[in-house]
Amino acid sequence: MELVKENIEIRCLINGKPVCQTVLSRMHLGDFLRGQLDLNGIHLGCEHGVCGACTVLVDGLLVRSCLMLAAQIDGCEVQTIEGAVESGAVSLMIQAFQKRNAAQCGFCSPAMILTTAEIVKNTTRPTREQIREAISGNYCRCTGYQAIVDAVEDVLDQRETKR
């Protein structure tokens, strides 16, 4: 029987920058990003994949970083809220969240902004119900989601106006 390696070296791109780190084989991605790379926009809430506060993009797909091992990102490209802010990819969504008061306590906001920006990026014109469905994996205990849906619609309206 072969034993699992305790430490694994990973090479990946995180927020556009090459990273080479040694991680514990059992370390979750969220713990790695927060603990070793100091990317604190990732919030660890339930640590069971239910709340969505730890959402990041891995190779362009939204994932729960509490359900993924850091070793699994070897060779991948990861984007956190910090990278999305730095690149400007979420600037319109942040402005809309501020305008609509959709970021009350702020705990869910980083993951919610990443998620809603992906909705706008990948969907032509979702209905309010489709927006609610798309964000249903991200818990928000402050806003009741109304302000968040309004913010997404504001960004969609801005996008249509620019066409």
Protein backbone atom coordinates (compact mmCIF):
# COMPACT_ATOMS: atom_id res chain seq x y z
CA MET A 1 0.00 0.00 0.00
CA GLU A 2 1.36 3.39 -1.03
CA LEU A 3 1.19 6.19 1.51
CA VAL A 4 -0.17 9.60 0.56
CA LYS A 5 2.46 12.30 0.40
CA GLU A 6 2.18 14.73 3.29
CA ASN A 7 3.45 17.74 1.31
CA ILE A 8 2.84 18.48 -2.36
CA GLU A 9 4.38 21.16 -4.52
CA ILE A 10 1.91 23.04 -6.69
CA ARG A 11 2.47 25.42 -9.57
CA CYS A 12 -0.38 27.57 -10.78
CA LEU A 13 -1.47 31.08 -11.69
CA ILE A 14 -3.28 32.98 -8.97
CA ASN A 15 -4.72 36.32 -9.99
CA GLY A 16 -2.47 36.26 -13.03
CA LYS A 17 0.75 35.68 -11.09
CA PRO A 18 2.75 32.45 -11.08
CA VAL A 19 2.78 30.67 -7.74
CA CYS A 20 4.94 27.76 -6.67
CA GLN A 21 4.22 26.59 -3.13
CA THR A 22 4.39 23.50 -1.01
CA VAL A 23 1.07 22.60 0.58
CA LEU A 24 -0.16 19.90 2.90
CA SER A 25 -1.90 17.24 0.86
CA ARG A 26 -5.06 17.61 2.93
CA MET A 27 -5.17 21.46 2.96
CA HIS A 28 -8.28 23.03 1.48
CA LEU A 29 -7.93 25.66 -1.20
CA GLY A 30 -9.61 28.33 0.92
CA ASP A 31 -7.17 27.73 3.79
CA PHE A 32 -4.25 27.88 1.36
CA LEU A 33 -5.39 31.11 -0.26
CA ARG A 34 -6.09 32.81 3.07
CA GLY A 35 -3.34 31.29 5.20
CA GLN A 36 -0.39 31.04 2.84
CA LEU A 37 -1.14 33.76 0.28
CA ASP A 38 -2.98 36.22 2.56
CA LEU A 39 -5.92 36.55 0.15
CA ASN A 40 -8.49 37.42 2.77
CA GLY A 41 -11.37 38.26 0.42
CA ILE A 42 -12.19 34.58 0.62
CA HIS A 43 -14.42 34.07 3.61
CA LEU A 44 -14.77 30.68 5.21
CA GLY A 45 -18.28 30.37 6.58
CA CYS A 46 -19.77 26.91 6.78
CA GLU A 47 -16.75 24.99 5.42
CA HIS A 48 -19.23 22.49 3.93
CA GLY A 49 -19.85 24.14 0.53
CA VAL A 50 -23.29 25.40 1.52
CA CYS A 51 -22.89 29.15 2.15
CA GLY A 52 -20.80 30.07 -0.91
CA ALA A 53 -18.71 32.68 0.94
CA CYS A 54 -15.48 30.99 -0.18
CA THR A 55 -16.29 31.06 -3.91
CA VAL A 56 -13.39 31.59 -6.32
CA LEU A 57 -12.84 30.98 -10.03
CA VAL A 58 -10.71 27.98 -11.01
CA ASP A 59 -10.03 27.78 -14.74
CA GLY A 60 -13.01 30.09 -15.27
CA LEU A 61 -15.48 28.06 -13.21
CA LEU A 62 -17.01 29.14 -9.91
CA VAL A 63 -15.98 26.70 -7.16
CA ARG A 64 -16.23 26.49 -3.40
CA SER A 65 -12.68 26.73 -2.11
CA CYS A 66 -13.66 24.91 1.09
CA LEU A 67 -14.52 21.80 -0.93
CA MET A 68 -11.40 21.74 -3.08
CA LEU A 69 -7.94 20.73 -2.00
CA ALA A 70 -5.10 23.13 -2.68
CA ALA A 71 -3.25 20.28 -4.41
CA GLN A 72 -6.02 20.17 -7.03
CA ILE A 73 -5.10 23.59 -8.43
CA ASP A 74 -1.73 22.38 -9.68
CA GLY A 75 -1.55 23.63 -13.27
CA CYS A 76 -4.72 25.71 -12.93
CA GLU A 77 -5.55 29.39 -13.07
CA VAL A 78 -7.30 30.75 -9.98
CA GLN A 79 -8.96 34.13 -9.62
CA THR A 80 -10.07 35.52 -6.28
CA ILE A 81 -11.98 38.71 -5.60
CA GLU A 82 -8.63 40.47 -5.17
CA GLY A 83 -7.60 39.54 -8.72
CA ALA A 84 -11.00 40.43 -10.13
CA VAL A 85 -10.85 43.86 -8.47
CA GLU A 86 -7.28 44.44 -9.63
CA SER A 87 -8.15 43.54 -13.23
CA GLY A 88 -11.28 45.71 -13.20
CA ALA A 89 -13.47 42.71 -14.04
CA VAL A 90 -15.92 43.48 -11.23
CA SER A 91 -15.76 47.28 -11.03
CA LEU A 92 -19.26 47.85 -12.44
CA MET A 93 -20.71 45.24 -10.11
CA ILE A 94 -19.00 46.80 -7.08
CA GLN A 95 -20.40 50.21 -8.02
CA ALA A 96 -23.88 48.73 -8.43
CA PHE A 97 -23.61 46.93 -5.07
CA GLN A 98 -22.65 50.22 -3.42
CA LYS A 99 -25.43 52.15 -5.13
CA ARG A 100 -28.07 49.55 -4.21
CA ASN A 101 -26.72 48.91 -0.68
CA ALA A 102 -26.31 45.27 -1.64
CA ALA A 103 -23.21 44.80 0.50
CA GLN A 104 -24.47 45.33 4.01
CA CYS A 105 -22.30 43.35 6.44
CA GLY A 106 -19.89 42.41 3.65
CA PHE A 107 -19.30 38.78 4.60
CA CYS A 108 -20.91 37.32 1.47
CA SER A 109 -20.01 40.26 -0.77
CA PRO A 110 -16.70 39.09 -2.31
CA ALA A 111 -18.13 35.75 -3.41
CA MET A 112 -21.47 37.31 -4.35
CA ILE A 113 -19.72 39.90 -6.53
CA LEU A 114 -17.67 37.20 -8.28
CA THR A 115 -20.81 35.14 -8.83
CA THR A 116 -22.95 37.99 -10.11
CA ALA A 117 -20.17 39.23 -12.40
CA GLU A 118 -20.08 35.75 -13.94
CA ILE A 119 -23.86 35.88 -14.44
CA VAL A 120 -23.53 39.15 -16.34
CA LYS A 121 -20.54 37.89 -18.31
CA ASN A 122 -22.12 34.58 -19.34
CA THR A 123 -25.82 35.40 -19.75
CA THR A 124 -27.50 37.63 -22.30
CA ARG A 125 -30.39 39.01 -20.23
CA PRO A 126 -31.44 36.82 -17.32
CA THR A 127 -34.79 37.38 -15.65
CA ARG A 128 -34.96 38.31 -11.98
CA GLU A 129 -35.86 34.70 -11.25
CA GLN A 130 -32.82 33.44 -13.20
CA ILE A 131 -30.59 35.86 -11.29
CA ARG A 132 -32.03 34.61 -8.00
CA GLU A 133 -31.45 31.02 -9.10
CA ALA A 134 -27.84 31.80 -10.09
CA ILE A 135 -27.05 33.37 -6.71
CA SER A 136 -28.99 30.81 -4.68
CA GLY A 137 -25.76 29.03 -3.74
CA ASN A 138 -24.49 32.14 -1.98
CA TYR A 139 -26.15 32.87 1.36
CA CYS A 140 -26.79 36.45 2.37
CA ARG A 141 -28.40 37.08 5.71
CA CYS A 142 -28.58 40.88 5.46
CA THR A 143 -30.10 41.96 2.16
CA GLY A 144 -32.90 39.53 1.43
CA TYR A 145 -31.32 39.37 -2.05
CA GLN A 146 -33.57 42.12 -3.47
CA ALA A 147 -30.75 44.70 -3.51
CA ILE A 148 -28.36 42.18 -5.04
CA VAL A 149 -30.78 41.33 -7.86
CA ASP A 150 -31.33 45.07 -8.40
CA ALA A 151 -27.56 45.60 -8.63
CA VAL A 152 -27.22 42.85 -11.24
CA GLU A 153 -30.04 44.39 -13.25
CA ASP A 154 -28.33 47.80 -13.06
CA VAL A 155 -25.16 46.32 -14.56
CA LEU A 156 -27.19 44.54 -17.25
CA ASP A 157 -28.95 47.81 -18.08
CA GLN A 158 -25.58 49.60 -18.34
CA ARG A 159 -24.33 46.88 -20.66
CA GLU A 160 -27.39 47.23 -22.91
CA THR A 161 -27.06 51.02 -22.97
CA LYS A 162 -23.46 50.73 -24.22
CA ARG A 163 -24.50 48.59 -27.19
